[in-house]
Amino acid sequence: MNNKTSIEVYIEFVKLEPGLDFSLTTVTDKQYRFTSWKYSTGLVETLDFEMLMEQIVDTFKDKSNIIKELKNELGLGTVIRVVTYVVEGRSPGYSFPVDVMKFAVSIDTLIENRRLCLWVC
């Protein structure tokens, strides 16, 4: 793990049972309750929360109508997640740029923030 605070931001598309598009038992013996697809910034050593949020939005902002169609047609849920790995008490400030909030509203999704403390928080 990095020795400085790191952040990962991702958008996740989730399909909850019932009505999976295919039975996962055809490819595995395990039983799963959901399937998902995730697009991530990867784990980045930074305190610049807004920059990573905007990377996700810049990638998908022109596709908001397609995302809404997929959600309706396939019964998907979406979430934008921020996972912060706090090291030695250094946590970023969290503020959401207007374009990030507009994008979340346009695709009817929520933004979830998770903070994991490593060592002393």
PDB file of N, CA and C in Angstrom:
ATOM      1  N   MET A   1       0.846  -1.185   0.000  1.00  0.00           N
ATOM      2  CA  MET A   1       0.000   0.000   0.000  1.00  0.00           C
ATOM      3  C   MET A   1       0.888   1.242   0.000  1.00  0.00           C
ATOM      4  N   ASN A   2       0.369   2.308  -0.586  1.00  0.00           N
ATOM      5  CA  ASN A   2       1.106   3.567  -0.628  1.00  0.00           C
ATOM      6  C   ASN A   2       1.325   4.105   0.787  1.00  0.00           C
ATOM      7  N   ASN A   3       2.332   4.928   0.938  1.00  0.00           N
ATOM      8  CA  ASN A   3       2.581   5.510   2.250  1.00  0.00           C
ATOM      9  C   ASN A   3       1.920   6.872   2.400  1.00  0.00           C
ATOM     10  N   LYS A   4       1.101   7.261   1.441  1.00  0.00           N
ATOM     11  CA  LYS A   4       0.363   8.515   1.512  1.00  0.00           C
ATOM     12  C   LYS A   4      -1.102   8.225   1.226  1.00  0.00           C
ATOM     13  N   THR A   5      -1.947   9.169   1.588  1.00  0.00           N
ATOM     14  CA  THR A   5      -3.375   9.002   1.361  1.00  0.00           C
ATOM     15  C   THR A   5      -3.658   8.825  -0.130  1.00  0.00           C
ATOM     16  N   SER A   6      -4.528   7.866  -0.443  1.00  0.00           N
ATOM     17  CA  SER A   6      -4.882   7.554  -1.825  1.00  0.00           C
ATOM     18  C   SER A   6      -6.398   7.518  -1.978  1.00  0.00           C
ATOM     19  N   ILE A   7      -6.834   7.764  -3.207  1.00  0.00           N
ATOM     20  CA  ILE A   7      -8.265   7.809  -3.499  1.00  0.00           C
ATOM     21  C   ILE A   7      -8.531   6.997  -4.765  1.00  0.00           C
ATOM     22  N   GLU A   8      -9.648   6.269  -4.769  1.00  0.00           N
ATOM     23  CA  GLU A   8     -10.163   5.618  -5.974  1.00  0.00           C
ATOM     24  C   GLU A   8     -11.593   6.093  -6.160  1.00  0.00           C
ATOM     25  N   VAL A   9     -11.933   6.494  -7.381  1.00  0.00           N
ATOM     26  CA  VAL A   9     -13.297   6.881  -7.717  1.00  0.00           C
ATOM     27  C   VAL A   9     -13.753   5.969  -8.837  1.00  0.00           C
ATOM     28  N   TYR A  10     -14.972   5.442  -8.711  1.00  0.00           N
ATOM     29  CA  TYR A  10     -15.485   4.607  -9.788  1.00  0.00           C
ATOM     30  C   TYR A  10     -16.991   4.727  -9.919  1.00  0.00           C
ATOM     31  N   ILE A  11     -17.459   4.415 -11.117  1.00  0.00           N
ATOM     32  CA  ILE A  11     -18.896   4.300 -11.374  1.00  0.00           C
ATOM     33  C   ILE A  11     -19.164   2.823 -11.554  1.00  0.00           C
ATOM     34  N   GLU A  12     -20.238   2.372 -10.927  1.00  0.00           N
ATOM     35  CA  GLU A  12     -20.565   0.950 -10.978  1.00  0.00           C
ATOM     36  C   GLU A  12     -22.003   0.779 -11.460  1.00  0.00           C
ATOM     37  N   PHE A  13     -22.170  -0.178 -12.360  1.00  0.00           N
ATOM     38  CA  PHE A  13     -23.477  -0.562 -12.864  1.00  0.00           C
ATOM     39  C   PHE A  13     -23.780  -1.930 -12.270  1.00  0.00           C
ATOM     40  N   VAL A  14     -24.922  -2.065 -11.599  1.00  0.00           N
ATOM     41  CA  VAL A  14     -25.225  -3.287 -10.873  1.00  0.00           C
ATOM     42  C   VAL A  14     -26.565  -3.839 -11.325  1.00  0.00           C
ATOM     43  N   LYS A  15     -26.597  -5.138 -11.543  1.00  0.00           N
ATOM     44  CA  LYS A  15     -27.837  -5.853 -11.874  1.00  0.00           C
ATOM     45  C   LYS A  15     -28.155  -6.785 -10.723  1.00  0.00           C
ATOM     46  N   LEU A  16     -29.229  -6.502 -10.026  1.00  0.00           N
ATOM     47  CA  LEU A  16     -29.633  -7.336  -8.912  1.00  0.00           C
ATOM     48  C   LEU A  16     -30.598  -8.421  -9.380  1.00  0.00           C
ATOM     49  N   GLU A  17     -30.553  -9.571  -8.720  1.00  0.00           N
ATOM     50  CA  GLU A  17     -31.515 -10.631  -9.014  1.00  0.00           C
ATOM     51  C   GLU A  17     -32.895 -10.155  -8.594  1.00  0.00           C
ATOM     52  N   PRO A  18     -33.974 -10.669  -9.108  1.00  0.00           N
ATOM     53  CA  PRO A  18     -34.057 -11.707 -10.136  1.00  0.00           C
ATOM     54  C   PRO A  18     -33.879 -11.115 -11.529  1.00  0.00           C
ATOM     55  N   GLY A  19     -33.760 -11.963 -12.505  1.00  0.00           N
ATOM     56  CA  GLY A  19     -33.686 -11.534 -13.888  1.00  0.00           C
ATOM     57  C   GLY A  19     -32.298 -11.245 -14.395  1.00  0.00           C
ATOM     58  N   LEU A  20     -31.291 -11.957 -13.858  1.00  0.00           N
ATOM     59  CA  LEU A  20     -29.957 -11.808 -14.425  1.00  0.00           C
ATOM     60  C   LEU A  20     -30.014 -12.142 -15.911  1.00  0.00           C
ATOM     61  N   ASP A  21     -29.145 -11.516 -16.694  1.00  0.00           N
ATOM     62  CA  ASP A  21     -29.183 -11.748 -18.137  1.00  0.00           C
ATOM     63  C   ASP A  21     -28.744 -13.164 -18.501  1.00  0.00           C
ATOM     64  N   PHE A  22     -28.011 -13.847 -17.608  1.00  0.00           N
ATOM     65  CA  PHE A  22     -27.684 -15.255 -17.792  1.00  0.00           C
ATOM     66  C   PHE A  22     -27.391 -15.846 -16.429  1.00  0.00           C
ATOM     67  N   SER A  23     -27.547 -17.142 -16.335  1.00  0.00           N
ATOM     68  CA  SER A  23     -27.300 -17.811 -15.066  1.00  0.00           C
ATOM     69  C   SER A  23     -25.804 -17.954 -14.853  1.00  0.00           C
ATOM     70  N   LEU A  24     -25.304 -17.445 -13.744  1.00  0.00           N
ATOM     71  CA  LEU A  24     -23.880 -17.553 -13.458  1.00  0.00           C
ATOM     72  C   LEU A  24     -23.467 -18.987 -13.168  1.00  0.00           C
ATOM     73  N   THR A  25     -24.420 -19.853 -12.886  1.00  0.00           N
ATOM     74  CA  THR A  25     -24.068 -21.252 -12.639  1.00  0.00           C
ATOM     75  C   THR A  25     -23.587 -21.934 -13.916  1.00  0.00           C
ATOM     76  N   THR A  26     -23.805 -21.296 -15.072  1.00  0.00           N
ATOM     77  CA  THR A  26     -23.290 -21.872 -16.317  1.00  0.00           C
ATOM     78  C   THR A  26     -21.779 -21.724 -16.419  1.00  0.00           C
ATOM     79  N   VAL A  27     -21.191 -20.798 -15.661  1.00  0.00           N
ATOM     80  CA  VAL A  27     -19.743 -20.593 -15.731  1.00  0.00           C
ATOM     81  C   VAL A  27     -19.033 -20.826 -14.405  1.00  0.00           C
ATOM     82  N   THR A  28     -19.783 -21.052 -13.337  1.00  0.00           N
ATOM     83  CA  THR A  28     -19.163 -21.271 -12.027  1.00  0.00           C
ATOM     84  C   THR A  28     -20.093 -22.083 -11.138  1.00  0.00           C
ATOM     85  N   ASP A  29     -19.526 -22.717 -10.146  1.00  0.00           N
ATOM     86  CA  ASP A  29     -20.336 -23.450  -9.180  1.00  0.00           C
ATOM     87  C   ASP A  29     -20.884 -22.543  -8.090  1.00  0.00           C
ATOM     88  N   LYS A  30     -20.364 -21.327  -8.006  1.00  0.00           N
ATOM     89  CA  LYS A  30     -20.771 -20.405  -6.949  1.00  0.00           C
ATOM     90  C   LYS A  30     -22.097 -19.738  -7.291  1.00  0.00           C
ATOM     91  N   GLN A  31     -22.827 -19.387  -6.270  1.00  0.00           N
ATOM     92  CA  GLN A  31     -24.081 -18.650  -6.426  1.00  0.00           C
ATOM     93  C   GLN A  31     -23.825 -17.185  -6.077  1.00  0.00           C
ATOM     94  N   TYR A  32     -24.104 -16.300  -6.997  1.00  0.00           N
ATOM     95  CA  TYR A  32     -23.946 -14.869  -6.758  1.00  0.00           C
ATOM     96  C   TYR A  32     -25.315 -14.214  -6.746  1.00  0.00           C
ATOM     97  N   ARG A  33     -25.471 -13.199  -5.933  1.00  0.00           N
ATOM     98  CA  ARG A  33     -26.744 -12.499  -5.848  1.00  0.00           C
ATOM     99  C   ARG A  33     -26.814 -11.309  -6.814  1.00  0.00           C
ATOM    100  N   PHE A  34     -25.664 -10.917  -7.387  1.00  0.00           N
ATOM    101  CA  PHE A  34     -25.675  -9.789  -8.308  1.00  0.00           C
ATOM    102  C   PHE A  34     -24.480  -9.875  -9.245  1.00  0.00           C
ATOM    103  N   THR A  35     -24.573  -9.151 -10.343  1.00  0.00           N
ATOM    104  CA  THR A  35     -23.428  -8.959 -11.226  1.00  0.00           C
ATOM    105  C   THR A  35     -23.217  -7.456 -11.349  1.00  0.00           C
ATOM    106  N   SER A  36     -21.995  -7.058 -11.673  1.00  0.00           N
ATOM    107  CA  SER A  36     -21.739  -5.626 -11.801  1.00  0.00           C
ATOM    108  C   SER A  36     -20.623  -5.368 -12.805  1.00  0.00           C
ATOM    109  N   TRP A  37     -20.573  -4.111 -13.256  1.00  0.00           N
ATOM    110  CA  TRP A  37     -19.531  -3.626 -14.140  1.00  0.00           C
ATOM    111  C   TRP A  37     -19.019  -2.334 -13.520  1.00  0.00           C
ATOM    112  N   LYS A  38     -17.713  -2.180 -13.460  1.00  0.00           N
ATOM    113  CA  LYS A  38     -17.116  -1.036 -12.770  1.00  0.00           C
ATOM    114  C   LYS A  38     -16.058  -0.381 -13.657  1.00  0.00           C
ATOM    115  N   TYR A  39     -16.106   0.954 -13.741  1.00  0.00           N
ATOM    116  CA  TYR A  39     -15.075   1.729 -14.428  1.00  0.00           C
ATOM    117  C   TYR A  39     -14.423   2.611 -13.372  1.00  0.00           C
ATOM    118  N   SER A  40     -13.094   2.503 -13.217  1.00  0.00           N
ATOM    119  CA  SER A  40     -12.395   3.126 -12.103  1.00  0.00           C
ATOM    120  C   SER A  40     -11.235   4.004 -12.556  1.00  0.00           C
ATOM    121  N   THR A  41     -10.925   4.985 -11.723  1.00  0.00           N
ATOM    122  CA  THR A  41      -9.725   5.792 -11.922  1.00  0.00           C
ATOM    123  C   THR A  41      -8.490   5.011 -11.497  1.00  0.00           C
ATOM    124  N   GLY A  42      -8.696   3.917 -10.770  1.00  0.00           N
ATOM    125  CA  GLY A  42      -7.599   3.209 -10.134  1.00  0.00           C
ATOM    126  C   GLY A  42      -7.251   3.930  -8.843  1.00  0.00           C
ATOM    127  N   LEU A  43      -6.420   3.326  -8.054  1.00  0.00           N
ATOM    128  CA  LEU A  43      -6.008   3.926  -6.786  1.00  0.00           C
ATOM    129  C   LEU A  43      -4.903   4.946  -7.070  1.00  0.00           C
ATOM    130  N   VAL A  44      -5.156   6.204  -6.712  1.00  0.00           N
ATOM    131  CA  VAL A  44      -4.232   7.294  -7.013  1.00  0.00           C
ATOM    132  C   VAL A  44      -3.783   7.942  -5.711  1.00  0.00           C
ATOM    133  N   GLU A  45      -2.480   8.081  -5.540  1.00  0.00           N
ATOM    134  CA  GLU A  45      -1.928   8.746  -4.359  1.00  0.00           C
ATOM    135  C   GLU A  45      -2.105  10.248  -4.526  1.00  0.00           C
ATOM    136  N   THR A  46      -3.130  10.790  -3.861  1.00  0.00           N
ATOM    137  CA  THR A  46      -3.469  12.205  -4.010  1.00  0.00           C
ATOM    138  C   THR A  46      -4.424  12.624  -2.897  1.00  0.00           C
ATOM    139  N   LEU A  47      -4.555  13.905  -2.705  1.00  0.00           N
ATOM    140  CA  LEU A  47      -5.598  14.469  -1.866  1.00  0.00           C
ATOM    141  C   LEU A  47      -6.615  15.235  -2.726  1.00  0.00           C
ATOM    142  N   ASP A  48      -6.430  15.208  -4.059  1.00  0.00           N
ATOM    143  CA  ASP A  48      -7.266  15.968  -4.991  1.00  0.00           C
ATOM    144  C   ASP A  48      -8.512  15.171  -5.375  1.00  0.00           C
ATOM    145  N   PHE A  49      -9.459  15.162  -4.475  1.00  0.00           N
ATOM    146  CA  PHE A  49     -10.726  14.448  -4.641  1.00  0.00           C
ATOM    147  C   PHE A  49     -11.488  14.922  -5.882  1.00  0.00           C
ATOM    148  N   GLU A  50     -11.585  16.242  -6.054  1.00  0.00           N
ATOM    149  CA  GLU A  50     -12.364  16.794  -7.167  1.00  0.00           C
ATOM    150  C   GLU A  50     -11.812  16.376  -8.526  1.00  0.00           C
ATOM    151  N   MET A  51     -10.481  16.326  -8.662  1.00  0.00           N
ATOM    152  CA  MET A  51      -9.866  15.955  -9.932  1.00  0.00           C
ATOM    153  C   MET A  51     -10.280  14.539 -10.351  1.00  0.00           C
ATOM    154  N   LEU A  52     -10.292  13.618  -9.397  1.00  0.00           N
ATOM    155  CA  LEU A  52     -10.671  12.240  -9.718  1.00  0.00           C
ATOM    156  C   LEU A  52     -12.160  12.117 -10.030  1.00  0.00           C
ATOM    157  N   MET A  53     -12.998  12.860  -9.311  1.00  0.00           N
ATOM    158  CA  MET A  53     -14.433  12.859  -9.618  1.00  0.00           C
ATOM    159  C   MET A  53     -14.670  13.361 -11.036  1.00  0.00           C
ATOM    160  N   GLU A  54     -13.955  14.423 -11.404  1.00  0.00           N
ATOM    161  CA  GLU A  54     -14.142  14.986 -12.736  1.00  0.00           C
ATOM    162  C   GLU A  54     -13.628  14.055 -13.836  1.00  0.00           C
ATOM    163  N   GLN A  55     -12.630  13.226 -13.539  1.00  0.00           N
ATOM    164  CA  GLN A  55     -12.168  12.234 -14.529  1.00  0.00           C
ATOM    165  C   GLN A  55     -13.299  11.282 -14.898  1.00  0.00           C
ATOM    166  N   ILE A  56     -14.022  10.807 -13.904  1.00  0.00           N
ATOM    167  CA  ILE A  56     -15.139   9.895 -14.166  1.00  0.00           C
ATOM    168  C   ILE A  56     -16.230  10.607 -14.960  1.00  0.00           C
ATOM    169  N   VAL A  57     -16.584  11.814 -14.529  1.00  0.00           N
ATOM    170  CA  VAL A  57     -17.640  12.565 -15.207  1.00  0.00           C
ATOM    171  C   VAL A  57     -17.237  12.897 -16.642  1.00  0.00           C
ATOM    172  N   ASP A  58     -15.999  13.322 -16.864  1.00  0.00           N
ATOM    173  CA  ASP A  58     -15.542  13.640 -18.224  1.00  0.00           C
ATOM    174  C   ASP A  58     -15.633  12.432 -19.138  1.00  0.00           C
ATOM    175  N   THR A  59     -15.410  11.247 -18.604  1.00  0.00           N
ATOM    176  CA  THR A  59     -15.475  10.022 -19.407  1.00  0.00           C
ATOM    177  C   THR A  59     -16.908   9.696 -19.822  1.00  0.00           C
ATOM    178  N   PHE A  60     -17.885   9.967 -18.964  1.00  0.00           N
ATOM    179  CA  PHE A  60     -19.253   9.507 -19.200  1.00  0.00           C
ATOM    180  C   PHE A  60     -20.286  10.600 -19.450  1.00  0.00           C
ATOM    181  N   LYS A  61     -19.915  11.870 -19.342  1.00  0.00           N
ATOM    182  CA  LYS A  61     -20.928  12.927 -19.428  1.00  0.00           C
ATOM    183  C   LYS A  61     -21.662  12.959 -20.770  1.00  0.00           C
ATOM    184  N   ASP A  62     -20.994  12.612 -21.856  1.00  0.00           N
ATOM    185  CA  ASP A  62     -21.651  12.603 -23.164  1.00  0.00           C
ATOM    186  C   ASP A  62     -22.495  11.352 -23.380  1.00  0.00           C
ATOM    187  N   LYS A  63     -22.479  10.457 -22.413  1.00  0.00           N
ATOM    188  CA  LYS A  63     -23.197   9.195 -22.537  1.00  0.00           C
ATOM    189  C   LYS A  63     -24.359   9.076 -21.549  1.00  0.00           C
ATOM    190  N   SER A  64     -24.781  10.180 -20.968  1.00  0.00           N
ATOM    191  CA  SER A  64     -25.822  10.108 -19.941  1.00  0.00           C
ATOM    192  C   SER A  64     -27.136   9.553 -20.488  1.00  0.00           C
ATOM    193  N   ASN A  65     -27.503   9.894 -21.721  1.00  0.00           N
ATOM    194  CA  ASN A  65     -28.735   9.335 -22.297  1.00  0.00           C
ATOM    195  C   ASN A  65     -28.618   7.830 -22.503  1.00  0.00           C
ATOM    196  N   ILE A  66     -27.459   7.360 -22.938  1.00  0.00           N
ATOM    197  CA  ILE A  66     -27.235   5.925 -23.125  1.00  0.00           C
ATOM    198  C   ILE A  66     -27.285   5.212 -21.780  1.00  0.00           C
ATOM    199  N   ILE A  67     -26.697   5.813 -20.760  1.00  0.00           N
ATOM    200  CA  ILE A  67     -26.717   5.212 -19.420  1.00  0.00           C
ATOM    201  C   ILE A  67     -28.152   5.084 -18.928  1.00  0.00           C
ATOM    202  N   LYS A  68     -28.964   6.125 -19.113  1.00  0.00           N
ATOM    203  CA  LYS A  68     -30.370   6.063 -18.687  1.00  0.00           C
ATOM    204  C   LYS A  68     -31.130   4.976 -19.444  1.00  0.00           C
ATOM    205  N   GLU A  69     -30.871   4.845 -20.741  1.00  0.00           N
ATOM    206  CA  GLU A  69     -31.521   3.794 -21.530  1.00  0.00           C
ATOM    207  C   GLU A  69     -31.137   2.405 -21.024  1.00  0.00           C
ATOM    208  N   LEU A  70     -29.838   2.198 -20.774  1.00  0.00           N
ATOM    209  CA  LEU A  70     -29.380   0.898 -20.260  1.00  0.00           C
ATOM    210  C   LEU A  70     -30.004   0.587 -18.906  1.00  0.00           C
ATOM    211  N   LYS A  71     -30.076   1.588 -18.049  1.00  0.00           N
ATOM    212  CA  LYS A  71     -30.683   1.384 -16.737  1.00  0.00           C
ATOM    213  C   LYS A  71     -32.134   0.943 -16.884  1.00  0.00           C
ATOM    214  N   ASN A  72     -32.867   1.588 -17.773  1.00  0.00           N
ATOM    215  CA  ASN A  72     -34.277   1.245 -17.976  1.00  0.00           C
ATOM    216  C   ASN A  72     -34.450  -0.113 -18.635  1.00  0.00           C
ATOM    217  N   GLU A  73     -33.711  -0.363 -19.715  1.00  0.00           N
ATOM    218  CA  GLU A  73     -33.874  -1.603 -20.470  1.00  0.00           C
ATOM    219  C   GLU A  73     -33.407  -2.834 -19.706  1.00  0.00           C
ATOM    220  N   LEU A  74     -32.320  -2.700 -18.957  1.00  0.00           N
ATOM    221  CA  LEU A  74     -31.728  -3.855 -18.284  1.00  0.00           C
ATOM    222  C   LEU A  74     -32.013  -3.892 -16.789  1.00  0.00           C
ATOM    223  N   GLY A  75     -32.700  -2.888 -16.277  1.00  0.00           N
ATOM    224  CA  GLY A  75     -32.994  -2.844 -14.850  1.00  0.00           C
ATOM    225  C   GLY A  75     -31.756  -2.689 -13.987  1.00  0.00           C
ATOM    226  N   LEU A  76     -30.841  -1.817 -14.438  1.00  0.00           N
ATOM    227  CA  LEU A  76     -29.587  -1.623 -13.715  1.00  0.00           C
ATOM    228  C   LEU A  76     -29.708  -0.527 -12.667  1.00  0.00           C
ATOM    229  N   GLY A  77     -28.896  -0.647 -11.643  1.00  0.00           N
ATOM    230  CA  GLY A  77     -28.691   0.427 -10.690  1.00  0.00           C
ATOM    231  C   GLY A  77     -27.302   0.988 -10.915  1.00  0.00           C
ATOM    232  N   THR A  78     -27.090   2.250 -10.565  1.00  0.00           N
ATOM    233  CA  THR A  78     -25.759   2.849 -10.686  1.00  0.00           C
ATOM    234  C   THR A  78     -25.384   3.529  -9.382  1.00  0.00           C
ATOM    235  N   VAL A  79     -24.101   3.629  -9.169  1.00  0.00           N
ATOM    236  CA  VAL A  79     -23.574   4.359  -8.027  1.00  0.00           C
ATOM    237  C   VAL A  79     -22.191   4.874  -8.401  1.00  0.00           C
ATOM    238  N   ILE A  80     -21.876   6.081  -7.967  1.00  0.00           N
ATOM    239  CA  ILE A  80     -20.517   6.603  -8.085  1.00  0.00           C
ATOM    240  C   ILE A  80     -19.921   6.489  -6.686  1.00  0.00           C
ATOM    241  N   ARG A  81     -18.830   5.754  -6.583  1.00  0.00           N
ATOM    242  CA  ARG A  81     -18.220   5.527  -5.273  1.00  0.00           C
ATOM    243  C   ARG A  81     -16.853   6.186  -5.197  1.00  0.00           C
ATOM    244  N   VAL A  82     -16.577   6.734  -4.023  1.00  0.00           N
ATOM    245  CA  VAL A  82     -15.276   7.303  -3.704  1.00  0.00           C
ATOM    246  C   VAL A  82     -14.747   6.503  -2.525  1.00  0.00           C
ATOM    247  N   VAL A  83     -13.571   5.902  -2.680  1.00  0.00           N
ATOM    248  CA  VAL A  83     -12.949   5.176  -1.581  1.00  0.00           C
ATOM    249  C   VAL A  83     -11.634   5.881  -1.269  1.00  0.00           C
ATOM    250  N   THR A  84     -11.528   6.365  -0.043  1.00  0.00           N
ATOM    251  CA  THR A  84     -10.329   7.076   0.394  1.00  0.00           C
ATOM    252  C   THR A  84      -9.589   6.216   1.403  1.00  0.00           C
ATOM    253  N   TYR A  85      -8.327   5.980   1.136  1.00  0.00           N
ATOM    254  CA  TYR A  85      -7.453   5.260   2.060  1.00  0.00           C
ATOM    255  C   TYR A  85      -6.632   6.319   2.786  1.00  0.00           C
ATOM    256  N   VAL A  86      -7.038   6.612   4.017  1.00  0.00           N
ATOM    257  CA  VAL A  86      -6.413   7.678   4.793  1.00  0.00           C
ATOM    258  C   VAL A  86      -5.196   7.122   5.523  1.00  0.00           C
ATOM    259  N   VAL A  87      -4.052   7.760   5.317  1.00  0.00           N
ATOM    260  CA  VAL A  87      -2.810   7.342   5.955  1.00  0.00           C
ATOM    261  C   VAL A  87      -2.336   8.482   6.856  1.00  0.00           C
ATOM    262  N   GLU A  88      -2.028   8.154   8.090  1.00  0.00           N
ATOM    263  CA  GLU A  88      -1.488   9.115   9.051  1.00  0.00           C
ATOM    264  C   GLU A  88      -2.357  10.362   9.196  1.00  0.00           C
ATOM    265  N   GLY A  89      -3.672  10.164   9.159  1.00  0.00           N
ATOM    266  CA  GLY A  89      -4.595  11.257   9.432  1.00  0.00           C
ATOM    267  C   GLY A  89      -4.779  12.284   8.338  1.00  0.00           C
ATOM    268  N   ARG A  90      -4.151  12.114   7.187  1.00  0.00           N
ATOM    269  CA  ARG A  90      -4.279  13.096   6.102  1.00  0.00           C
ATOM    270  C   ARG A  90      -5.452  12.716   5.214  1.00  0.00           C
ATOM    271  N   SER A  91      -6.528  13.463   5.355  1.00  0.00           N
ATOM    272  CA  SER A  91      -7.750  13.198   4.601  1.00  0.00           C
ATOM    273  C   SER A  91      -8.034  14.379   3.681  1.00  0.00           C
ATOM    274  N   PRO A  92      -8.511  14.104   2.462  1.00  0.00           N
ATOM    275  CA  PRO A  92      -8.829  15.215   1.554  1.00  0.00           C
ATOM    276  C   PRO A  92     -10.077  15.946   2.009  1.00  0.00           C
ATOM    277  N   GLY A  93     -10.210  17.176   1.533  1.00  0.00           N
ATOM    278  CA  GLY A  93     -11.463  17.894   1.710  1.00  0.00           C
ATOM    279  C   GLY A  93     -12.436  17.391   0.661  1.00  0.00           C
ATOM    280  N   TYR A  94     -13.691  17.242   1.026  1.00  0.00           N
ATOM    281  CA  TYR A  94     -14.673  16.722   0.085  1.00  0.00           C
ATOM    282  C   TYR A  94     -15.658  17.815  -0.288  1.00  0.00           C
ATOM    283  N   SER A  95     -15.613  18.221  -1.534  1.00  0.00           N
ATOM    284  CA  SER A  95     -16.628  19.109  -2.084  1.00  0.00           C
ATOM    285  C   SER A  95     -16.906  18.623  -3.497  1.00  0.00           C
ATOM    286  N   PHE A  96     -18.163  18.697  -3.882  1.00  0.00           N
ATOM    287  CA  PHE A  96     -18.557  18.175  -5.186  1.00  0.00           C
ATOM    288  C   PHE A  96     -18.706  19.320  -6.175  1.00  0.00           C
ATOM    289  N   PRO A  97     -17.912  19.284  -7.253  1.00  0.00           N
ATOM    290  CA  PRO A  97     -18.080  20.294  -8.297  1.00  0.00           C
ATOM    291  C   PRO A  97     -19.490  20.215  -8.894  1.00  0.00           C
ATOM    292  N   VAL A  98     -19.989  21.338  -9.371  1.00  0.00           N
ATOM    293  CA  VAL A  98     -21.347  21.413  -9.910  1.00  0.00           C
ATOM    294  C   VAL A  98     -21.541  20.415 -11.054  1.00  0.00           C
ATOM    295  N   ASP A  99     -20.551  20.276 -11.952  1.00  0.00           N
ATOM    296  CA  ASP A  99     -20.726  19.360 -13.086  1.00  0.00           C
ATOM    297  C   ASP A  99     -20.835  17.910 -12.618  1.00  0.00           C
ATOM    298  N   VAL A 100     -20.207  17.563 -11.518  1.00  0.00           N
ATOM    299  CA  VAL A 100     -20.317  16.206 -10.964  1.00  0.00           C
ATOM    300  C   VAL A 100     -21.737  15.980 -10.439  1.00  0.00           C
ATOM    301  N   MET A 101     -22.259  16.960  -9.703  1.00  0.00           N
ATOM    302  CA  MET A 101     -23.621  16.823  -9.170  1.00  0.00           C
ATOM    303  C   MET A 101     -24.651  16.780 -10.299  1.00  0.00           C
ATOM    304  N   LYS A 102     -24.464  17.614 -11.323  1.00  0.00           N
ATOM    305  CA  LYS A 102     -25.394  17.601 -12.460  1.00  0.00           C
ATOM    306  C   LYS A 102     -25.383  16.254 -13.170  1.00  0.00           C
ATOM    307  N   PHE A 103     -24.182  15.669 -13.329  1.00  0.00           N
ATOM    308  CA  PHE A 103     -24.086  14.368 -13.975  1.00  0.00           C
ATOM    309  C   PHE A 103     -24.807  13.300 -13.144  1.00  0.00           C
ATOM    310  N   ALA A 104     -24.574  13.289 -11.837  1.00  0.00           N
ATOM    311  CA  ALA A 104     -25.222  12.298 -10.967  1.00  0.00           C
ATOM    312  C   ALA A 104     -26.747  12.420 -11.051  1.00  0.00           C
ATOM    313  N   VAL A 105     -27.250  13.639 -11.054  1.00  0.00           N
ATOM    314  CA  VAL A 105     -28.694  13.847 -11.172  1.00  0.00           C
ATOM    315  C   VAL A 105     -29.185  13.403 -12.546  1.00  0.00           C
ATOM    316  N   SER A 106     -28.417  13.693 -13.599  1.00  0.00           N
ATOM    317  CA  SER A 106     -28.854  13.363 -14.962  1.00  0.00           C
ATOM    318  C   SER A 106     -28.984  11.864 -15.192  1.00  0.00           C
ATOM    319  N   ILE A 107     -28.215  11.044 -14.469  1.00  0.00           N
ATOM    320  CA  ILE A 107     -28.329   9.589 -14.627  1.00  0.00           C
ATOM    321  C   ILE A 107     -29.026   8.947 -13.432  1.00  0.00           C
ATOM    322  N   ASP A 108     -29.589   9.786 -12.557  1.00  0.00           N
ATOM    323  CA  ASP A 108     -30.353   9.313 -11.399  1.00  0.00           C
ATOM    324  C   ASP A 108     -29.540   8.325 -10.564  1.00  0.00           C
ATOM    325  N   THR A 109     -28.400   8.796 -10.083  1.00  0.00           N
ATOM    326  CA  THR A 109     -27.539   7.941  -9.260  1.00  0.00           C
ATOM    327  C   THR A 109     -27.132   8.682  -7.994  1.00  0.00           C
ATOM    328  N   LEU A 110     -26.594   7.931  -7.068  1.00  0.00           N
ATOM    329  CA  LEU A 110     -26.101   8.543  -5.848  1.00  0.00           C
ATOM    330  C   LEU A 110     -24.580   8.488  -5.822  1.00  0.00           C
ATOM    331  N   ILE A 111     -23.997   9.305  -4.965  1.00  0.00           N
ATOM    332  CA  ILE A 111     -22.551   9.319  -4.767  1.00  0.00           C
ATOM    333  C   ILE A 111     -22.301   8.831  -3.349  1.00  0.00           C
ATOM    334  N   GLU A 112     -21.475   7.813  -3.239  1.00  0.00           N
ATOM    335  CA  GLU A 112     -21.187   7.207  -1.941  1.00  0.00           C
ATOM    336  C   GLU A 112     -19.717   7.395  -1.616  1.00  0.00           C
ATOM    337  N   ASN A 113     -19.428   7.774  -0.380  1.00  0.00           N
ATOM    338  CA  ASN A 113     -18.058   8.019   0.049  1.00  0.00           C
ATOM    339  C   ASN A 113     -17.695   7.020   1.142  1.00  0.00           C
ATOM    340  N   ARG A 114     -16.623   6.284   0.928  1.00  0.00           N
ATOM    341  CA  ARG A 114     -16.121   5.353   1.936  1.00  0.00           C
ATOM    342  C   ARG A 114     -14.726   5.797   2.344  1.00  0.00           C
ATOM    343  N   ARG A 115     -14.491   5.789   3.636  1.00  0.00           N
ATOM    344  CA  ARG A 115     -13.187   6.216   4.149  1.00  0.00           C
ATOM    345  C   ARG A 115     -12.589   5.071   4.959  1.00  0.00           C
ATOM    346  N   LEU A 116     -11.412   4.619   4.549  1.00  0.00           N
ATOM    347  CA  LEU A 116     -10.714   3.551   5.241  1.00  0.00           C
ATOM    348  C   LEU A 116      -9.468   4.139   5.878  1.00  0.00           C
ATOM    349  N   CYS A 117      -9.318   3.953   7.163  1.00  0.00           N
ATOM    350  CA  CYS A 117      -8.172   4.509   7.880  1.00  0.00           C
ATOM    351  C   CYS A 117      -7.091   3.449   8.031  1.00  0.00           C
ATOM    352  N   LEU A 118      -5.885   3.803   7.649  1.00  0.00           N
ATOM    353  CA  LEU A 118      -4.746   2.938   7.795  1.00  0.00           C
ATOM    354  C   LEU A 118      -3.808   3.594   8.794  1.00  0.00           C
ATOM    355  N   TRP A 119      -3.328   2.855   9.748  1.00  0.00           N
ATOM    356  CA  TRP A 119      -2.523   3.371  10.847  1.00  0.00           C
ATOM    357  C   TRP A 119      -3.362   4.275  11.721  1.00  0.00           C
ATOM    358  N   VAL A 120      -2.917   5.472  11.987  1.00  0.00           N
ATOM    359  CA  VAL A 120      -3.632   6.363  12.911  1.00  0.00           C
ATOM    360  C   VAL A 120      -4.438   7.368  12.115  1.00  0.00           C
ATOM    361  N   CYS A 121      -5.738   7.459  12.403  1.00  0.00           N
ATOM    362  CA  CYS A 121      -6.602   8.434  11.737  1.00  0.00           C
ATOM    363  C   CYS A 121      -6.907   9.589  12.661  1.00  0.00           C
TER     364      CYS A 121
END
